[in-house]
Amino acid sequence: MILRITKATPAAIRWGNSEIQKVAQEGARNHGLLNIGVEDFFNIELRIPEKAEQEKIADFLSAVDQKIDLENQKLENLEKYKKSITQQILTQKLRFSEFTGLINMKKIKDCKGITVKKGRALSSSDLVSGNYPVVAGGKTSPYSHNDYTNENAVTISASGAYAGYISYHKGRFWASDCSVVECDHNYNDMVFVYNALLINQGDIYSCQTGGAQPHVYPDNIKNIRIWLPELDEQQKIAGFLSSIDEKTDLQKTKLDHLKTFKKSLLQRMFV
């Protein structure tokens, strides 16, 4: 069925769509089918205001959409900038002026104070709900445990389609189906090492072996080469990159609030 609307503003169309959606959802609950019968369709009551009010609503919603698009573009620009500046700094194309001297790339296994270990498997029968998130596959799972294996460390997914996925976890957590990269803080900054690994994400993905169930092993990670300056330069870089991350997080929050505001607005308008 095709409904052609010839004399209505976008606001009125949204209004009508919300009523149609409610009838379709009711049909899905009652009959398991997300559709509308012809008779039910023509019996839908649409509470559509006069055209002047429609236009006023449409203008307001368009302004909200434009604001969302603008904030989304700001977020994309921040993410592109972070990626670009990180790549330039961690390949020595850019450097803070107080630091000089050439530093050669090293394999992780040759970097003092960095260790790569396999996570500790945790079966469902051993799981005890607690205060520490369980990280499986490199990402935080919906489960928690009453004990932890690591704190403020990088995890790299060990198996599955996303084997090699890199993530940084603040605080204490239980590392399960993943490799864990940790630092001796007397020699290295964990945030710096995380970013140094992150620009090598493609190379780590390419380490996948196996067919149906790809794997990335700790030995694969240990052979990845990174640029590792002295601790004071690492900390300077980490602080700079973290400041960009903080701005990005604030922008994400701002965008989420705008989307929530729009959703709430639509729900209150079109009911």
C-alpha atoms as a PDB file:
ATOM      1  CA  MET A   1       0.000   0.000   0.000  1.00  0.00           C
ATOM      2  CA  ILE A   2       1.342   3.438  -0.966  1.00  0.00           C
ATOM      3  CA  LEU A   3       0.038   6.602   0.680  1.00  0.00           C
ATOM      4  CA  ARG A   4       0.712   9.763  -1.293  1.00  0.00           C
ATOM      5  CA  ILE A   5       0.553  12.949   0.738  1.00  0.00           C
ATOM      6  CA  THR A   6       0.140  16.072  -1.364  1.00  0.00           C
ATOM      7  CA  LYS A   7      -0.887  18.782   1.109  1.00  0.00           C
ATOM      8  CA  ALA A   8       1.011  18.349   4.336  1.00  0.00           C
ATOM      9  CA  THR A   9       4.237  19.592   5.847  1.00  0.00           C
ATOM     10  CA  PRO A  10       7.030  17.265   7.061  1.00  0.00           C
ATOM     11  CA  ALA A  11       5.729  17.756  10.604  1.00  0.00           C
ATOM     12  CA  ALA A  12       2.289  16.441   9.627  1.00  0.00           C
ATOM     13  CA  ILE A  13       3.869  13.455   7.890  1.00  0.00           C
ATOM     14  CA  ARG A  14       5.841  12.631  11.049  1.00  0.00           C
ATOM     15  CA  TRP A  15       2.657  13.008  13.041  1.00  0.00           C
ATOM     16  CA  GLY A  16       0.855  10.541  10.763  1.00  0.00           C
ATOM     17  CA  ASN A  17       3.786   8.135  10.747  1.00  0.00           C
ATOM     18  CA  SER A  18       3.758   7.977  14.543  1.00  0.00           C
ATOM     19  CA  GLU A  19       0.093   6.943  14.551  1.00  0.00           C
ATOM     20  CA  ILE A  20       0.672   4.317  11.845  1.00  0.00           C
ATOM     21  CA  GLN A  21       3.672   2.979  13.763  1.00  0.00           C
ATOM     22  CA  LYS A  22       1.593   2.537  16.923  1.00  0.00           C
ATOM     23  CA  VAL A  23      -1.026   0.500  15.023  1.00  0.00           C
ATOM     24  CA  ALA A  24       1.692  -1.620  13.365  1.00  0.00           C
ATOM     25  CA  GLN A  25       3.360  -2.317  16.723  1.00  0.00           C
ATOM     26  CA  GLU A  26       0.042  -3.351  18.217  1.00  0.00           C
ATOM     27  CA  GLY A  27      -0.447  -5.762  15.307  1.00  0.00           C
ATOM     28  CA  ALA A  28       3.019  -7.206  15.876  1.00  0.00           C
ATOM     29  CA  ARG A  29       2.231  -7.864  19.546  1.00  0.00           C
ATOM     30  CA  ASN A  30      -1.113  -9.478  18.793  1.00  0.00           C
ATOM     31  CA  HIS A  31      -0.330 -11.413  15.603  1.00  0.00           C
ATOM     32  CA  GLY A  32       3.449 -11.465  15.254  1.00  0.00           C
ATOM     33  CA  LEU A  33       3.287  -9.475  12.011  1.00  0.00           C
ATOM     34  CA  LEU A  34       4.561  -5.931  11.579  1.00  0.00           C
ATOM     35  CA  ASN A  35       1.854  -4.801   9.177  1.00  0.00           C
ATOM     36  CA  ILE A  36      -1.500  -3.000   9.067  1.00  0.00           C
ATOM     37  CA  GLY A  37      -4.780  -4.281   7.660  1.00  0.00           C
ATOM     38  CA  VAL A  38      -6.517  -2.074   5.096  1.00  0.00           C
ATOM     39  CA  GLU A  39      -9.525  -1.474   7.360  1.00  0.00           C
ATOM     40  CA  ASP A  40      -7.319  -0.669  10.343  1.00  0.00           C
ATOM     41  CA  PHE A  41      -5.285   1.693   8.194  1.00  0.00           C
ATOM     42  CA  PHE A  42      -8.269   3.760   7.090  1.00  0.00           C
ATOM     43  CA  ASN A  43      -9.605   3.851  10.652  1.00  0.00           C
ATOM     44  CA  ILE A  44      -6.455   5.520  12.001  1.00  0.00           C
ATOM     45  CA  GLU A  45      -7.259   8.881  13.559  1.00  0.00           C
ATOM     46  CA  LEU A  46      -4.657  11.494  12.712  1.00  0.00           C
ATOM     47  CA  ARG A  47      -4.558  14.549  14.936  1.00  0.00           C
ATOM     48  CA  ILE A  48      -3.048  17.002  12.487  1.00  0.00           C
ATOM     49  CA  PRO A  49      -2.982  20.735  13.329  1.00  0.00           C
ATOM     50  CA  GLU A  50      -3.609  23.604  10.939  1.00  0.00           C
ATOM     51  CA  LYS A  51      -0.978  24.238   8.280  1.00  0.00           C
ATOM     52  CA  ALA A  52       0.426  27.317  10.057  1.00  0.00           C
ATOM     53  CA  GLU A  53       1.136  25.250  13.163  1.00  0.00           C
ATOM     54  CA  GLN A  54       2.532  22.430  11.021  1.00  0.00           C
ATOM     55  CA  GLU A  55       4.997  24.837   9.437  1.00  0.00           C
ATOM     56  CA  LYS A  56       6.044  26.230  12.806  1.00  0.00           C
ATOM     57  CA  ILE A  57       6.694  22.703  14.139  1.00  0.00           C
ATOM     58  CA  ALA A  58       8.539  21.763  10.950  1.00  0.00           C
ATOM     59  CA  ASP A  59      10.800  24.824  11.186  1.00  0.00           C
ATOM     60  CA  PHE A  60      11.618  24.059  14.816  1.00  0.00           C
ATOM     61  CA  LEU A  61      12.399  20.382  14.137  1.00  0.00           C
ATOM     62  CA  SER A  62      14.533  21.360  11.135  1.00  0.00           C
ATOM     63  CA  ALA A  63      16.518  23.707  13.373  1.00  0.00           C
ATOM     64  CA  VAL A  64      17.098  20.835  15.839  1.00  0.00           C
ATOM     65  CA  ASP A  65      18.194  18.557  12.977  1.00  0.00           C
ATOM     66  CA  GLN A  66      20.614  21.198  11.708  1.00  0.00           C
ATOM     67  CA  LYS A  67      22.093  21.551  15.191  1.00  0.00           C
ATOM     68  CA  ILE A  68      22.527  17.766  15.433  1.00  0.00           C
ATOM     69  CA  ASP A  69      24.212  17.687  12.013  1.00  0.00           C
ATOM     70  CA  LEU A  70      26.547  20.509  13.056  1.00  0.00           C
ATOM     71  CA  GLU A  71      27.541  18.831  16.336  1.00  0.00           C
ATOM     72  CA  ASN A  72      27.983  15.495  14.554  1.00  0.00           C
ATOM     73  CA  GLN A  73      30.345  17.167  12.075  1.00  0.00           C
ATOM     74  CA  LYS A  74      32.327  18.652  14.983  1.00  0.00           C
ATOM     75  CA  LEU A  75      32.650  15.149  16.453  1.00  0.00           C
ATOM     76  CA  GLU A  76      33.822  13.680  13.149  1.00  0.00           C
ATOM     77  CA  ASN A  77      36.384  16.474  12.785  1.00  0.00           C
ATOM     78  CA  LEU A  78      37.748  15.837  16.286  1.00  0.00           C
ATOM     79  CA  GLU A  79      38.066  12.101  15.590  1.00  0.00           C
ATOM     80  CA  LYS A  80      39.836  12.746  12.276  1.00  0.00           C
ATOM     81  CA  TYR A  81      42.183  15.234  13.943  1.00  0.00           C
ATOM     82  CA  LYS A  82      43.034  12.777  16.739  1.00  0.00           C
ATOM     83  CA  LYS A  83      43.772  10.030  14.234  1.00  0.00           C
ATOM     84  CA  SER A  84      45.919  12.295  12.068  1.00  0.00           C
ATOM     85  CA  ILE A  85      47.896  13.948  14.871  1.00  0.00           C
ATOM     86  CA  THR A  86      48.501  10.625  16.629  1.00  0.00           C
ATOM     87  CA  GLN A  87      49.861   9.120  13.412  1.00  0.00           C
ATOM     88  CA  GLN A  88      52.202  12.071  12.882  1.00  0.00           C
ATOM     89  CA  ILE A  89      53.481  12.194  16.481  1.00  0.00           C
ATOM     90  CA  LEU A  90      53.986   8.455  16.852  1.00  0.00           C
ATOM     91  CA  THR A  91      55.902   8.199  13.571  1.00  0.00           C
ATOM     92  CA  GLN A  92      58.142  11.173  14.557  1.00  0.00           C
ATOM     93  CA  LYS A  93      56.828  13.442  11.788  1.00  0.00           C
ATOM     94  CA  LEU A  94      55.838  15.871  14.555  1.00  0.00           C
ATOM     95  CA  ARG A  95      57.570  16.262  17.896  1.00  0.00           C
ATOM     96  CA  PHE A  96      57.464  18.584  20.893  1.00  0.00           C
ATOM     97  CA  SER A  97      60.331  21.050  20.533  1.00  0.00           C
ATOM     98  CA  GLU A  98      61.981  20.231  23.872  1.00  0.00           C
ATOM     99  CA  PHE A  99      62.687  16.665  22.759  1.00  0.00           C
ATOM    100  CA  THR A 100      65.406  15.849  20.238  1.00  0.00           C
ATOM    101  CA  GLY A 101      67.408  12.902  18.973  1.00  0.00           C
ATOM    102  CA  LEU A 102      66.421  10.021  16.723  1.00  0.00           C
ATOM    103  CA  ILE A 103      64.658   7.089  18.366  1.00  0.00           C
ATOM    104  CA  ASN A 104      64.509   3.798  16.505  1.00  0.00           C
ATOM    105  CA  MET A 105      61.450   1.584  16.281  1.00  0.00           C
ATOM    106  CA  LYS A 106      61.493  -1.500  18.509  1.00  0.00           C
ATOM    107  CA  LYS A 107      59.582  -4.726  18.694  1.00  0.00           C
ATOM    108  CA  ILE A 108      57.391  -4.792  21.773  1.00  0.00           C
ATOM    109  CA  LYS A 109      59.248  -7.806  23.094  1.00  0.00           C
ATOM    110  CA  ASP A 110      62.424  -5.676  23.122  1.00  0.00           C
ATOM    111  CA  CYS A 111      60.824  -2.733  24.954  1.00  0.00           C
ATOM    112  CA  LYS A 112      61.835  -2.513  28.603  1.00  0.00           C
ATOM    113  CA  GLY A 113      58.893  -2.472  31.001  1.00  0.00           C
ATOM    114  CA  ILE A 114      56.190  -3.735  28.583  1.00  0.00           C
ATOM    115  CA  THR A 115      54.705  -7.216  29.010  1.00  0.00           C
ATOM    116  CA  VAL A 116      52.170  -9.099  26.911  1.00  0.00           C
ATOM    117  CA  LYS A 117      50.326 -11.964  28.587  1.00  0.00           C
ATOM    118  CA  LYS A 118      47.396 -14.200  27.878  1.00  0.00           C
ATOM    119  CA  GLY A 119      44.201 -13.494  29.818  1.00  0.00           C
ATOM    120  CA  ARG A 120      42.784 -15.974  32.332  1.00  0.00           C
ATOM    121  CA  ALA A 121      39.782 -17.987  31.195  1.00  0.00           C
ATOM    122  CA  LEU A 122      36.690 -17.651  33.360  1.00  0.00           C
ATOM    123  CA  SER A 123      33.886 -20.177  32.917  1.00  0.00           C
ATOM    124  CA  SER A 124      30.270 -19.361  33.709  1.00  0.00           C
ATOM    125  CA  SER A 125      30.382 -21.827  36.596  1.00  0.00           C
ATOM    126  CA  ASP A 126      33.298 -19.907  38.182  1.00  0.00           C
ATOM    127  CA  LEU A 127      31.738 -16.496  37.636  1.00  0.00           C
ATOM    128  CA  VAL A 128      30.717 -14.696  40.843  1.00  0.00           C
ATOM    129  CA  SER A 129      28.933 -11.400  40.363  1.00  0.00           C
ATOM    130  CA  GLY A 130      30.977  -8.565  41.844  1.00  0.00           C
ATOM    131  CA  ASN A 131      32.440  -5.114  41.298  1.00  0.00           C
ATOM    132  CA  TYR A 132      34.889  -5.902  38.500  1.00  0.00           C
ATOM    133  CA  PRO A 133      33.882  -6.037  34.811  1.00  0.00           C
ATOM    134  CA  VAL A 134      34.859  -9.089  32.795  1.00  0.00           C
ATOM    135  CA  VAL A 135      36.643  -8.289  29.546  1.00  0.00           C
ATOM    136  CA  ALA A 136      36.135 -10.987  26.920  1.00  0.00           C
ATOM    137  CA  GLY A 137      37.160 -10.627  23.302  1.00  0.00           C
ATOM    138  CA  GLY A 138      38.888  -7.339  24.123  1.00  0.00           C
ATOM    139  CA  LYS A 139      35.604  -5.643  25.024  1.00  0.00           C
ATOM    140  CA  THR A 140      33.791  -5.308  28.327  1.00  0.00           C
ATOM    141  CA  SER A 141      31.111  -7.992  28.592  1.00  0.00           C
ATOM    142  CA  PRO A 142      27.812  -7.596  30.488  1.00  0.00           C
ATOM    143  CA  TYR A 143      29.248  -9.820  33.249  1.00  0.00           C
ATOM    144  CA  SER A 144      31.141  -8.936  36.405  1.00  0.00           C
ATOM    145  CA  HIS A 145      33.274 -10.895  38.871  1.00  0.00           C
ATOM    146  CA  ASN A 146      34.308 -10.602  42.514  1.00  0.00           C
ATOM    147  CA  ASP A 147      38.010 -10.628  41.654  1.00  0.00           C
ATOM    148  CA  TYR A 148      40.262  -8.938  39.088  1.00  0.00           C
ATOM    149  CA  THR A 149      43.371  -9.819  37.102  1.00  0.00           C
ATOM    150  CA  ASN A 150      44.544  -6.432  35.808  1.00  0.00           C
ATOM    151  CA  GLU A 151      44.275  -2.701  36.331  1.00  0.00           C
ATOM    152  CA  ASN A 152      44.606   0.164  33.833  1.00  0.00           C
ATOM    153  CA  ALA A 153      45.781  -2.016  30.969  1.00  0.00           C
ATOM    154  CA  VAL A 154      45.330  -2.608  27.243  1.00  0.00           C
ATOM    155  CA  THR A 155      43.494  -5.685  26.022  1.00  0.00           C
ATOM    156  CA  ILE A 156      43.674  -7.222  22.556  1.00  0.00           C
ATOM    157  CA  SER A 157      40.980  -9.663  21.473  1.00  0.00           C
ATOM    158  CA  ALA A 158      42.379 -13.182  21.172  1.00  0.00           C
ATOM    159  CA  SER A 159      39.821 -14.928  18.956  1.00  0.00           C
ATOM    160  CA  GLY A 160      36.798 -14.510  16.725  1.00  0.00           C
ATOM    161  CA  ALA A 161      36.005 -12.162  13.851  1.00  0.00           C
ATOM    162  CA  TYR A 162      37.520  -9.206  15.735  1.00  0.00           C
ATOM    163  CA  ALA A 163      40.659 -10.982  16.912  1.00  0.00           C
ATOM    164  CA  GLY A 164      43.263  -8.250  17.344  1.00  0.00           C
ATOM    165  CA  TYR A 165      40.820  -5.548  18.475  1.00  0.00           C
ATOM    166  CA  ILE A 166      42.619  -3.090  20.799  1.00  0.00           C
ATOM    167  CA  SER A 167      40.986  -1.468  23.796  1.00  0.00           C
ATOM    168  CA  TYR A 168      42.147   0.455  26.868  1.00  0.00           C
ATOM    169  CA  HIS A 169      40.447  -0.295  30.190  1.00  0.00           C
ATOM    170  CA  LYS A 170      40.667   2.069  33.134  1.00  0.00           C
ATOM    171  CA  GLY A 171      40.418   0.646  36.627  1.00  0.00           C
ATOM    172  CA  ARG A 172      40.406  -2.990  37.693  1.00  0.00           C
ATOM    173  CA  PHE A 173      38.944  -5.770  35.544  1.00  0.00           C
ATOM    174  CA  TRP A 174      39.121  -9.499  34.842  1.00  0.00           C
ATOM    175  CA  ALA A 175      40.784 -10.254  31.482  1.00  0.00           C
ATOM    176  CA  SER A 176      39.384 -13.399  29.885  1.00  0.00           C
ATOM    177  CA  ASP A 177      39.505 -14.174  26.139  1.00  0.00           C
ATOM    178  CA  CYS A 178      42.186 -11.630  25.286  1.00  0.00           C
ATOM    179  CA  SER A 179      45.847 -10.739  25.537  1.00  0.00           C
ATOM    180  CA  VAL A 180      46.822  -8.099  28.083  1.00  0.00           C
ATOM    181  CA  VAL A 181      49.493  -5.444  27.547  1.00  0.00           C
ATOM    182  CA  GLU A 182      50.809  -3.925  30.781  1.00  0.00           C
ATOM    183  CA  CYS A 183      53.499  -1.368  31.611  1.00  0.00           C
ATOM    184  CA  ASP A 184      55.969  -0.853  34.391  1.00  0.00           C
ATOM    185  CA  HIS A 185      55.116   2.778  35.172  1.00  0.00           C
ATOM    186  CA  ASN A 186      58.752   3.483  36.069  1.00  0.00           C
ATOM    187  CA  TYR A 187      59.567   3.137  32.366  1.00  0.00           C
ATOM    188  CA  ASN A 188      56.423   3.649  30.297  1.00  0.00           C
ATOM    189  CA  ASP A 189      53.108   5.480  30.202  1.00  0.00           C
ATOM    190  CA  MET A 190      50.137   3.166  29.615  1.00  0.00           C
ATOM    191  CA  VAL A 191      48.115   5.731  27.633  1.00  0.00           C
ATOM    192  CA  PHE A 192      51.099   6.361  25.354  1.00  0.00           C
ATOM    193  CA  VAL A 193      51.574   2.626  24.768  1.00  0.00           C
ATOM    194  CA  TYR A 194      47.851   2.245  24.026  1.00  0.00           C
ATOM    195  CA  ASN A 195      48.022   4.933  21.333  1.00  0.00           C
ATOM    196  CA  ALA A 196      51.256   3.467  19.951  1.00  0.00           C
ATOM    197  CA  LEU A 197      49.466   0.130  19.573  1.00  0.00           C
ATOM    198  CA  LEU A 198      46.350   1.754  18.153  1.00  0.00           C
ATOM    199  CA  ILE A 199      48.145   3.183  15.110  1.00  0.00           C
ATOM    200  CA  ASN A 200      49.208  -0.420  14.431  1.00  0.00           C
ATOM    201  CA  GLN A 201      45.642  -1.761  14.585  1.00  0.00           C
ATOM    202  CA  GLY A 202      45.740  -2.845  10.935  1.00  0.00           C
ATOM    203  CA  ASP A 203      49.013  -4.739  11.401  1.00  0.00           C
ATOM    204  CA  ILE A 204      47.637  -6.516  14.476  1.00  0.00           C
ATOM    205  CA  TYR A 205      44.486  -7.536  12.600  1.00  0.00           C
ATOM    206  CA  SER A 206      46.712  -8.939   9.847  1.00  0.00           C
ATOM    207  CA  CYS A 207      48.275 -11.289  12.435  1.00  0.00           C
ATOM    208  CA  GLN A 208      45.044 -13.323  12.513  1.00  0.00           C
ATOM    209  CA  THR A 209      45.582 -17.021  11.875  1.00  0.00           C
ATOM    210  CA  GLY A 210      43.027 -19.805  11.521  1.00  0.00           C
ATOM    211  CA  GLY A 211      39.947 -20.151   9.371  1.00  0.00           C
ATOM    212  CA  ALA A 212      36.500 -20.197  10.937  1.00  0.00           C
ATOM    213  CA  GLN A 213      37.869 -19.026  14.302  1.00  0.00           C
ATOM    214  CA  PRO A 214      40.743 -16.542  13.749  1.00  0.00           C
ATOM    215  CA  HIS A 215      43.254 -16.015  16.556  1.00  0.00           C
ATOM    216  CA  VAL A 216      45.841 -13.400  17.501  1.00  0.00           C
ATOM    217  CA  TYR A 217      48.397 -14.662  20.017  1.00  0.00           C
ATOM    218  CA  PRO A 218      50.635 -12.806  22.488  1.00  0.00           C
ATOM    219  CA  ASP A 219      53.697 -13.727  20.384  1.00  0.00           C
ATOM    220  CA  ASN A 220      52.112 -11.957  17.395  1.00  0.00           C
ATOM    221  CA  ILE A 221      51.716  -8.796  19.455  1.00  0.00           C
ATOM    222  CA  LYS A 222      55.250  -8.989  20.830  1.00  0.00           C
ATOM    223  CA  ASN A 223      56.613  -8.713  17.278  1.00  0.00           C
ATOM    224  CA  ILE A 224      54.768  -5.454  16.528  1.00  0.00           C
ATOM    225  CA  ARG A 225      57.187  -2.530  16.208  1.00  0.00           C
ATOM    226  CA  ILE A 226      56.506   0.773  18.007  1.00  0.00           C
ATOM    227  CA  TRP A 227      58.372   4.042  18.627  1.00  0.00           C
ATOM    228  CA  LEU A 228      59.124   4.299  22.343  1.00  0.00           C
ATOM    229  CA  PRO A 229      60.788   7.496  23.632  1.00  0.00           C
ATOM    230  CA  GLU A 230      61.816   8.168  27.220  1.00  0.00           C
ATOM    231  CA  LEU A 231      59.139   8.324  29.917  1.00  0.00           C
ATOM    232  CA  ASP A 232      58.952  12.125  30.146  1.00  0.00           C
ATOM    233  CA  GLU A 233      58.261  12.438  26.409  1.00  0.00           C
ATOM    234  CA  GLN A 234      55.734   9.612  26.572  1.00  0.00           C
ATOM    235  CA  GLN A 235      53.891  11.433  29.354  1.00  0.00           C
ATOM    236  CA  LYS A 236      53.874  14.702  27.429  1.00  0.00           C
ATOM    237  CA  ILE A 237      52.403  12.986  24.368  1.00  0.00           C
ATOM    238  CA  ALA A 238      49.913  10.993  26.439  1.00  0.00           C
ATOM    239  CA  GLY A 239      48.691  14.156  28.166  1.00  0.00           C
ATOM    240  CA  PHE A 240      48.218  15.926  24.836  1.00  0.00           C
ATOM    241  CA  LEU A 241      46.336  13.030  23.240  1.00  0.00           C
ATOM    242  CA  SER A 242      44.216  12.552  26.378  1.00  0.00           C
ATOM    243  CA  SER A 243      43.131  16.194  26.184  1.00  0.00           C
ATOM    244  CA  ILE A 244      41.797  15.528  22.676  1.00  0.00           C
ATOM    245  CA  ASP A 245      40.015  12.407  23.942  1.00  0.00           C
ATOM    246  CA  GLU A 246      38.383  14.473  26.692  1.00  0.00           C
ATOM    247  CA  LYS A 247      37.104  17.010  24.156  1.00  0.00           C
ATOM    248  CA  THR A 248      35.825  14.157  21.982  1.00  0.00           C
ATOM    249  CA  ASP A 249      34.000  12.563  24.918  1.00  0.00           C
ATOM    250  CA  LEU A 250      32.379  15.904  25.780  1.00  0.00           C
ATOM    251  CA  GLN A 251      31.285  16.307  22.174  1.00  0.00           C
ATOM    252  CA  LYS A 252      29.794  12.791  22.152  1.00  0.00           C
ATOM    253  CA  THR A 253      27.866  13.613  25.330  1.00  0.00           C
ATOM    254  CA  LYS A 254      26.602  16.860  23.822  1.00  0.00           C
ATOM    255  CA  LEU A 255      25.457  15.032  20.681  1.00  0.00           C
ATOM    256  CA  ASP A 256      23.747  12.290  22.703  1.00  0.00           C
ATOM    257  CA  HIS A 257      21.885  14.920  24.739  1.00  0.00           C
ATOM    258  CA  LEU A 258      20.677  16.602  21.555  1.00  0.00           C
ATOM    259  CA  LYS A 259      19.440  13.304  20.113  1.00  0.00           C
ATOM    260  CA  THR A 260      17.678  12.481  23.390  1.00  0.00           C
ATOM    261  CA  PHE A 261      16.117  15.955  23.400  1.00  0.00           C
ATOM    262  CA  LYS A 262      14.824  15.487  19.855  1.00  0.00           C
ATOM    263  CA  LYS A 263      13.427  12.039  20.636  1.00  0.00           C
ATOM    264  CA  SER A 264      11.687  13.348  23.741  1.00  0.00           C
ATOM    265  CA  LEU A 265      10.338  16.287  21.763  1.00  0.00           C
ATOM    266  CA  LEU A 266       8.888  14.054  19.060  1.00  0.00           C
ATOM    267  CA  GLN A 267       7.294  11.781  21.628  1.00  0.00           C
ATOM    268  CA  ARG A 268       5.595  14.748  23.303  1.00  0.00           C
ATOM    269  CA  MET A 269       4.534  16.381  20.037  1.00  0.00           C
ATOM    270  CA  PHE A 270       3.252  13.366  18.180  1.00  0.00           C
ATOM    271  CA  VAL A 271       1.130  11.575  20.774  1.00  0.00           C
END
